[in-house]
Amino acid sequence: MANLSQKLTRLLRGQLNLKLQRFNSTGCKLIYCEHGDPVKVIRKETETIPDPAKDEVLIKMLAAPVNPADINTIQGKYPVRPPLPAVAGNEGVGEVVSVGSGVTDFQQGDRVVPLVSALGTWRTHCILPKNNLLKVPKKLGLVEAATLSVNPCTAYRMLRDFVDLKPGDTVIQNGANSACGQNVIQICRAWGLRSVNVIRDRAGVNELRCFLKDLGATHVLTEEELRKTQIFKNGELDKPKLALNCVGGQNALEVMRHLQKGGTMVTYGGMSREPVTAPTSALIFKDVRIRGFWMTEWSKQNADSIDRFEMLEELISMMTSNELQGPAFKMVNFEQYKEALMNTMTIKGMIGKKYILEFS
């Protein structure tokens, strides 16, 4: 009896020590107290990690991308403005460390993705409400999980919501080598759609062309090639029903010119920082529709909708079956976060590799 009592005492002491150890553990976060140049205003701070409350989940972050929207948020140029001081980062993937007493849907070791933007994912640990998390299968790749909630969803919704597309229909897009553009190409391939993909002429353009063709692109054209192409006039492809624009300016105008009568152009970005203009003739005689799309707003309006969770389920299924892979990327250790910031801020970073913070 005495031995049993001693064992129980040791067990209780061990549990208490473990709880105290968790409470006193520390993590790191990337925080900004004012808007401005991310390299200058972002700083790393330590923080104490408490135990999660009843309906909360404690997560150890594994990877979090640095997106152009993150840069714009820190600069104060994005419609989403978290109260300052704020932890940067909109998406990522983490592993459950512990859960509150009221949480039954998650357990230690689960991999999870935040479902709400501007939660501050550039940190080693997060404590989030259980309703803000989606459990993802461990066989889902780290890059695919970390980048799930923005670019694949943006591509999916633009291809699904604006035009009734059927297998064999044509979609045209600019910025085709962007992270979203790579998702558009792969989803088009999976759904039997033909994609015409416009890129800037550059050093290594042939390697880029091959990379996008390997993803499933039907055609890859430079801006100059798009102006001269005969693929629509000679009947090789039907004119596009849908155009996706993330560049703006003259590039968007040239893409719009190839739309069929009644076609739609959806703008979701403006990398050239030039306005989207539409010729009067396109609006009157071709009945071209000009629309815009912002994934953050769609997610906010459809936070608990069936459409949202069916989309996520389909995207994850495509990823785990290798129909859809993550973007070209470079992992950057959390300690070298400035490298990721500086590269994402350049025009090369905006349309090249996705820089992803890795938490060791």
Protein backbone atom coordinates (compact mmCIF):
# COMPACT_ATOMS: atom_id res chain seq x y z
CA MET A 1 0.00 0.00 0.00
CA ALA A 2 2.88 2.32 0.90
CA ASN A 3 4.57 1.58 -2.43
CA LEU A 4 1.35 2.44 -4.31
CA SER A 5 1.04 5.69 -2.39
CA GLN A 6 4.65 6.61 -3.21
CA LYS A 7 4.09 5.84 -6.91
CA LEU A 8 0.95 8.03 -6.99
CA THR A 9 2.83 10.85 -5.27
CA ARG A 10 5.68 10.65 -7.78
CA LEU A 11 3.19 10.57 -10.66
CA LEU A 12 1.34 13.63 -9.40
CA ARG A 13 4.59 15.49 -8.84
CA GLY A 14 5.70 14.58 -12.37
CA GLN A 15 2.44 15.87 -13.86
CA LEU A 16 2.72 19.07 -11.83
CA ASN A 17 6.31 19.58 -12.92
CA LEU A 18 5.33 18.97 -16.56
CA LYS A 19 2.53 21.53 -16.30
CA LEU A 20 4.85 24.07 -14.69
CA GLN A 21 7.47 23.37 -17.35
CA ARG A 22 4.96 24.03 -20.12
CA PHE A 23 3.75 27.21 -18.46
CA ASN A 24 7.28 28.51 -18.05
CA SER A 25 8.41 27.56 -21.57
CA THR A 26 9.16 30.36 -24.00
CA GLY A 27 8.78 30.89 -27.69
CA CYS A 28 9.65 33.54 -30.27
CA LYS A 29 7.53 35.76 -32.48
CA LEU A 30 8.05 38.32 -35.23
CA ILE A 31 6.25 41.47 -34.18
CA TYR A 32 5.79 45.00 -35.53
CA CYS A 33 4.64 48.05 -33.57
CA GLU A 34 4.33 50.43 -36.52
CA HIS A 35 3.79 50.20 -40.25
CA GLY A 36 6.73 50.59 -42.60
CA ASP A 37 9.58 48.75 -44.27
CA PRO A 38 9.25 45.15 -43.00
CA VAL A 39 13.01 44.72 -42.69
CA LYS A 40 13.12 47.74 -40.38
CA VAL A 41 9.90 47.42 -38.37
CA ILE A 42 9.80 43.65 -37.82
CA ARG A 43 11.70 42.45 -34.77
CA LYS A 44 11.99 39.12 -33.00
CA GLU A 45 10.77 38.88 -29.40
CA THR A 46 10.52 36.06 -26.88
CA GLU A 47 7.27 35.29 -25.12
CA THR A 48 6.05 32.97 -22.39
CA ILE A 49 3.79 30.17 -23.61
CA PRO A 50 0.87 29.50 -21.24
CA ASP A 51 -1.34 26.43 -21.18
CA PRO A 52 -4.36 26.62 -23.50
CA ALA A 53 -7.70 27.63 -22.01
CA LYS A 54 -10.75 25.36 -22.14
CA ASP A 55 -11.55 25.74 -25.87
CA GLU A 56 -8.05 26.53 -27.10
CA VAL A 57 -5.26 24.58 -28.76
CA LEU A 58 -1.51 25.10 -28.28
CA ILE A 59 0.37 24.67 -31.55
CA LYS A 60 4.03 24.44 -32.39
CA MET A 61 4.43 26.06 -35.82
CA LEU A 62 6.25 23.99 -38.43
CA ALA A 63 6.24 26.28 -41.47
CA ALA A 64 4.73 29.62 -42.49
CA PRO A 65 5.03 31.31 -45.89
CA VAL A 66 5.90 34.94 -46.52
CA ASN A 67 3.31 36.25 -48.99
CA PRO A 68 3.17 39.60 -50.81
CA ALA A 69 0.00 40.31 -48.81
CA ASP A 70 1.99 39.85 -45.58
CA ILE A 71 4.47 42.46 -46.79
CA ASN A 72 1.65 44.87 -47.69
CA THR A 73 0.01 44.31 -44.29
CA ILE A 74 3.21 45.22 -42.46
CA GLN A 75 3.61 48.27 -44.70
CA GLY A 76 0.07 49.37 -43.85
CA LYS A 77 -1.00 49.14 -47.51
CA TYR A 78 -3.41 46.20 -47.19
CA PRO A 79 -7.11 46.40 -46.27
CA VAL A 80 -6.52 44.04 -43.32
CA ARG A 81 -4.90 45.98 -40.46
CA PRO A 82 -4.43 44.00 -37.23
CA PRO A 83 -4.27 46.15 -34.08
CA LEU A 84 -0.70 47.14 -33.24
CA PRO A 85 1.50 45.71 -31.93
CA ALA A 86 0.83 42.70 -34.14
CA VAL A 87 2.48 39.38 -34.93
CA ALA A 88 2.94 39.02 -38.69
CA GLY A 89 1.85 36.10 -40.85
CA ASN A 90 -1.46 34.94 -42.34
CA GLU A 91 -1.06 31.23 -42.95
CA GLY A 92 1.01 28.20 -42.06
CA VAL A 93 0.92 24.72 -40.59
CA GLY A 94 1.59 23.58 -37.05
CA GLU A 95 1.52 20.56 -34.76
CA VAL A 96 -0.73 20.29 -31.72
CA VAL A 97 1.24 20.34 -28.46
CA SER A 98 -1.69 20.33 -26.01
CA VAL A 99 -5.40 21.12 -25.87
CA GLY A 100 -7.80 22.70 -23.41
CA SER A 101 -10.22 20.66 -21.34
CA GLY A 102 -13.12 21.40 -23.70
CA VAL A 103 -11.35 20.30 -26.89
CA THR A 104 -12.15 16.85 -28.24
CA ASP A 105 -11.56 17.27 -32.01
CA PHE A 106 -7.79 17.64 -31.71
CA GLN A 107 -5.07 15.78 -29.86
CA GLN A 108 -1.34 15.99 -29.38
CA GLY A 109 0.55 15.38 -32.61
CA ASP A 110 -2.24 16.42 -34.99
CA ARG A 111 -1.25 18.70 -37.85
CA VAL A 112 -3.43 21.78 -38.19
CA VAL A 113 -3.87 24.80 -40.45
CA PRO A 114 -5.33 28.14 -39.24
CA LEU A 115 -8.59 29.05 -40.99
CA VAL A 116 -8.68 32.76 -40.10
CA SER A 117 -6.37 35.38 -41.59
CA ALA A 118 -4.16 37.77 -39.61
CA LEU A 119 -3.78 35.39 -36.65
CA GLY A 120 -0.02 35.95 -36.55
CA THR A 121 1.65 32.74 -37.74
CA TRP A 122 5.25 33.98 -37.78
CA ARG A 123 5.96 32.60 -34.34
CA THR A 124 7.23 29.36 -32.87
CA HIS A 125 4.01 28.72 -30.92
CA CYS A 126 0.36 29.78 -31.27
CA ILE A 127 -2.61 29.42 -28.95
CA LEU A 128 -5.78 29.51 -31.05
CA PRO A 129 -9.49 28.80 -30.55
CA LYS A 130 -10.38 25.30 -31.70
CA ASN A 131 -12.90 26.69 -34.21
CA ASN A 132 -10.12 28.52 -36.04
CA LEU A 133 -8.29 25.33 -36.98
CA LEU A 134 -8.53 22.62 -39.62
CA LYS A 135 -6.92 19.23 -39.06
CA VAL A 136 -5.00 18.05 -42.11
CA PRO A 137 -3.58 14.59 -42.84
CA LYS A 138 0.07 14.05 -41.96
CA LYS A 139 0.70 12.65 -45.44
CA LEU A 140 -0.03 16.12 -46.80
CA GLY A 141 3.29 17.73 -47.70
CA LEU A 142 4.67 20.43 -45.42
CA VAL A 143 4.76 23.05 -48.19
CA GLU A 144 1.28 22.14 -49.43
CA ALA A 145 -0.15 22.38 -45.90
CA ALA A 146 1.62 25.66 -45.10
CA THR A 147 0.32 27.31 -48.28
CA LEU A 148 -3.13 25.69 -48.41
CA SER A 149 -5.42 28.52 -47.33
CA VAL A 150 -4.51 31.30 -49.78
CA ASN A 151 -3.23 30.50 -53.28
CA PRO A 152 -4.84 27.09 -53.95
CA CYS A 153 -8.16 28.41 -52.62
CA THR A 154 -7.88 31.59 -54.71
CA ALA A 155 -7.24 29.55 -57.86
CA TYR A 156 -10.07 27.13 -57.05
CA ARG A 157 -12.67 29.81 -56.42
CA MET A 158 -11.79 31.87 -59.50
CA LEU A 159 -12.08 28.80 -61.71
CA ARG A 160 -15.32 27.73 -60.04
CA ASP A 161 -17.35 30.86 -59.29
CA PHE A 162 -17.30 33.27 -62.25
CA VAL A 163 -17.83 31.20 -65.41
CA ASP A 164 -19.49 27.84 -65.97
CA LEU A 165 -16.44 26.02 -67.32
CA LYS A 166 -16.63 22.63 -69.00
CA PRO A 167 -13.81 20.21 -69.93
CA GLY A 168 -12.13 21.50 -73.08
CA ASP A 169 -12.82 25.18 -72.31
CA THR A 170 -9.92 27.63 -72.34
CA VAL A 171 -8.64 29.80 -69.49
CA ILE A 172 -5.98 32.49 -69.99
CA GLN A 173 -3.91 34.02 -67.20
CA ASN A 174 -0.98 36.37 -66.70
CA GLY A 175 1.55 36.07 -63.88
CA ALA A 176 1.38 32.36 -64.64
CA ASN A 177 4.50 31.47 -62.68
CA SER A 178 3.22 33.07 -59.48
CA ALA A 179 2.19 30.73 -56.67
CA CYS A 180 -1.47 31.21 -57.55
CA GLY A 181 -0.74 30.82 -61.26
CA GLN A 182 0.94 27.47 -60.65
CA ASN A 183 -2.20 26.31 -58.83
CA VAL A 184 -4.42 27.52 -61.69
CA ILE A 185 -2.39 25.47 -64.17
CA GLN A 186 -2.63 22.29 -62.13
CA ILE A 187 -6.34 22.61 -61.31
CA CYS A 188 -7.10 23.29 -64.99
CA ARG A 189 -5.25 20.10 -65.90
CA ALA A 190 -7.14 18.10 -63.27
CA TRP A 191 -10.50 19.45 -64.45
CA GLY A 192 -9.79 18.98 -68.16
CA LEU A 193 -9.47 22.70 -68.92
CA ARG A 194 -6.94 24.17 -71.34
CA SER A 195 -4.74 26.93 -70.00
CA VAL A 196 -2.86 29.68 -71.83
CA ASN A 197 -0.23 31.07 -69.51
CA VAL A 198 1.48 34.43 -69.97
CA ILE A 199 4.89 35.19 -68.47
CA ARG A 200 7.45 37.98 -68.79
CA ASP A 201 10.40 37.40 -71.08
CA ARG A 202 13.50 36.93 -68.92
CA ALA A 203 16.74 35.04 -68.53
CA GLY A 204 15.94 31.34 -68.24
CA VAL A 205 12.55 31.72 -69.92
CA ASN A 206 12.85 28.32 -71.62
CA GLU A 207 13.47 26.57 -68.29
CA LEU A 208 10.45 28.36 -66.85
CA ARG A 209 8.37 27.38 -69.86
CA CYS A 210 9.32 23.73 -69.35
CA PHE A 211 8.54 23.93 -65.63
CA LEU A 212 5.03 25.27 -66.28
CA LYS A 213 4.41 22.76 -69.07
CA ASP A 214 5.38 19.98 -66.67
CA LEU A 215 2.74 21.29 -64.26
CA GLY A 216 0.16 20.89 -67.02
CA ALA A 217 0.13 24.19 -68.93
CA THR A 218 -1.35 23.84 -72.42
CA HIS A 219 0.54 26.86 -73.76
CA VAL A 220 3.12 29.17 -72.19
CA LEU A 221 3.62 32.50 -73.98
CA THR A 222 5.70 35.56 -73.27
CA GLU A 223 3.93 38.93 -73.45
CA GLU A 224 5.42 39.52 -76.91
CA GLU A 225 4.33 36.07 -78.10
CA LEU A 226 0.80 36.71 -76.84
CA ARG A 227 0.53 39.80 -79.06
CA LYS A 228 1.44 37.74 -82.14
CA THR A 229 -0.16 34.37 -81.36
CA GLN A 230 -2.48 32.69 -83.87
CA ILE A 231 -3.64 29.84 -81.59
CA PHE A 232 -7.14 31.30 -81.31
CA LYS A 233 -7.52 32.50 -84.90
CA ASN A 234 -6.38 29.20 -86.43
CA GLY A 235 -8.77 27.18 -84.26
CA GLU A 236 -6.11 25.36 -82.27
CA LEU A 237 -7.89 26.55 -79.12
CA ASP A 238 -11.29 28.11 -78.54
CA LYS A 239 -11.08 31.68 -77.33
CA PRO A 240 -10.97 31.85 -73.53
CA LYS A 241 -14.16 32.12 -71.53
CA LEU A 242 -12.19 33.25 -68.47
CA ALA A 243 -9.15 35.46 -67.98
CA LEU A 244 -7.31 35.75 -64.65
CA ASN A 245 -5.29 38.92 -64.06
CA CYS A 246 -2.75 39.61 -61.32
CA VAL A 247 -0.61 42.10 -63.26
CA GLY A 248 -2.78 44.94 -64.60
CA GLY A 249 -1.79 47.64 -67.07
CA GLN A 250 -1.04 46.84 -70.71
CA ASN A 251 -0.54 43.16 -69.88
CA ALA A 252 -4.12 42.82 -68.63
CA LEU A 253 -5.44 44.71 -71.65
CA GLU A 254 -3.70 42.28 -74.01
CA VAL A 255 -5.07 39.28 -72.12
CA MET A 256 -8.58 40.75 -72.19
CA ARG A 257 -8.34 41.23 -75.98
CA HIS A 258 -8.38 37.44 -76.49
CA LEU A 259 -11.57 36.76 -74.52
CA GLN A 260 -14.53 35.40 -76.42
CA LYS A 261 -17.78 37.34 -76.56
CA GLY A 262 -19.39 37.39 -73.10
CA GLY A 263 -16.11 36.36 -71.47
CA THR A 264 -15.04 37.41 -67.99
CA MET A 265 -11.78 38.79 -66.65
CA VAL A 266 -11.18 38.41 -62.92
CA THR A 267 -8.53 40.62 -61.30
CA TYR A 268 -6.99 39.39 -58.05
CA GLY A 269 -3.71 41.30 -57.97
CA GLY A 270 -1.82 44.23 -59.44
CA MET A 271 1.89 43.49 -59.61
CA SER A 272 2.57 46.18 -62.21
CA ARG A 273 0.84 48.76 -59.99
CA GLU A 274 -0.88 50.03 -63.13
CA PRO A 275 -4.68 50.27 -63.41
CA VAL A 276 -6.90 47.85 -65.29
CA THR A 277 -8.49 49.59 -68.28
CA ALA A 278 -11.14 48.24 -70.61
CA PRO A 279 -11.83 49.46 -74.16
CA THR A 280 -15.36 50.72 -74.70
CA SER A 281 -15.71 48.36 -77.66
CA ALA A 282 -14.96 45.33 -75.46
CA LEU A 283 -17.73 46.30 -73.06
CA ILE A 284 -20.33 47.16 -75.70
CA PHE A 285 -19.69 44.82 -78.62
CA LYS A 286 -18.10 41.84 -76.82
CA ASP A 287 -20.04 42.18 -73.55
CA VAL A 288 -16.85 41.47 -71.61
CA ARG A 289 -17.33 41.37 -67.84
CA ILE A 290 -14.71 42.82 -65.50
CA ARG A 291 -14.73 41.40 -61.99
CA GLY A 292 -12.51 41.37 -58.92
CA PHE A 293 -11.77 38.71 -56.31
CA TRP A 294 -10.27 38.79 -52.81
CA MET A 295 -9.87 35.43 -51.07
CA THR A 296 -9.76 36.99 -47.59
CA GLU A 297 -13.23 38.47 -48.02
CA TRP A 298 -14.63 35.26 -49.51
CA SER A 299 -13.30 33.25 -46.55
CA LYS A 300 -14.77 35.75 -44.10
CA GLN A 301 -18.20 35.58 -45.74
CA ASN A 302 -18.09 31.79 -46.03
CA ALA A 303 -16.27 30.91 -42.80
CA ASP A 304 -18.54 27.98 -41.88
CA SER A 305 -20.06 27.23 -45.28
CA ILE A 306 -20.27 23.80 -46.86
CA ASP A 307 -18.66 25.26 -49.99
CA ARG A 308 -15.54 26.18 -48.05
CA PHE A 309 -15.00 22.80 -46.44
CA GLU A 310 -15.82 20.92 -49.66
CA MET A 311 -13.21 23.07 -51.41
CA LEU A 312 -10.58 22.35 -48.76
CA GLU A 313 -11.38 18.64 -48.83
CA GLU A 314 -11.04 18.52 -52.64
CA LEU A 315 -7.79 20.49 -52.64
CA ILE A 316 -6.26 18.27 -49.96
CA SER A 317 -7.36 15.18 -51.89
CA MET A 318 -5.71 16.56 -55.04
CA MET A 319 -2.52 17.28 -53.09
CA THR A 320 -2.28 13.89 -51.41
CA SER A 321 -2.87 12.16 -54.78
CA ASN A 322 -0.11 14.28 -56.38
CA GLU A 323 -2.49 16.06 -58.78
CA LEU A 324 -1.63 19.37 -57.11
CA GLN A 325 1.77 20.26 -55.71
CA GLY A 326 2.95 23.25 -53.74
CA PRO A 327 4.63 26.22 -55.42
CA ALA A 328 8.30 26.53 -56.23
CA PHE A 329 9.78 27.44 -52.85
CA LYS A 330 12.78 28.02 -50.65
CA MET A 331 12.77 27.12 -46.97
CA VAL A 332 14.36 29.76 -44.74
CA ASN A 333 15.21 29.14 -41.11
CA PHE A 334 13.14 31.27 -38.74
CA GLU A 335 16.33 32.92 -37.48
CA GLN A 336 17.07 34.20 -41.02
CA TYR A 337 13.63 35.74 -41.48
CA LYS A 338 15.07 38.93 -43.02
CA GLU A 339 16.20 36.93 -46.04
CA ALA A 340 12.63 35.84 -46.67
CA LEU A 341 11.34 39.40 -46.20
CA MET A 342 13.83 40.99 -48.58
CA ASN A 343 13.36 38.40 -51.32
CA THR A 344 9.57 38.58 -51.18
CA MET A 345 9.70 42.39 -51.39
CA THR A 346 11.55 42.36 -54.73
CA ILE A 347 9.65 41.97 -58.00
CA LYS A 348 11.62 38.75 -58.51
CA GLY A 349 10.31 37.39 -55.23
CA MET A 350 6.73 38.42 -56.01
CA ILE A 351 6.64 36.14 -59.06
CA GLY A 352 9.34 33.61 -58.34
CA LYS A 353 9.90 31.24 -55.45
CA LYS A 354 7.70 31.22 -52.37
CA TYR A 355 9.82 31.89 -49.29
CA ILE A 356 8.70 29.80 -46.32
CA LEU A 357 9.82 30.22 -42.73
CA GLU A 358 10.82 26.90 -41.19
CA PHE A 359 10.67 26.46 -37.43
CA SER A 360 13.29 24.01 -36.16
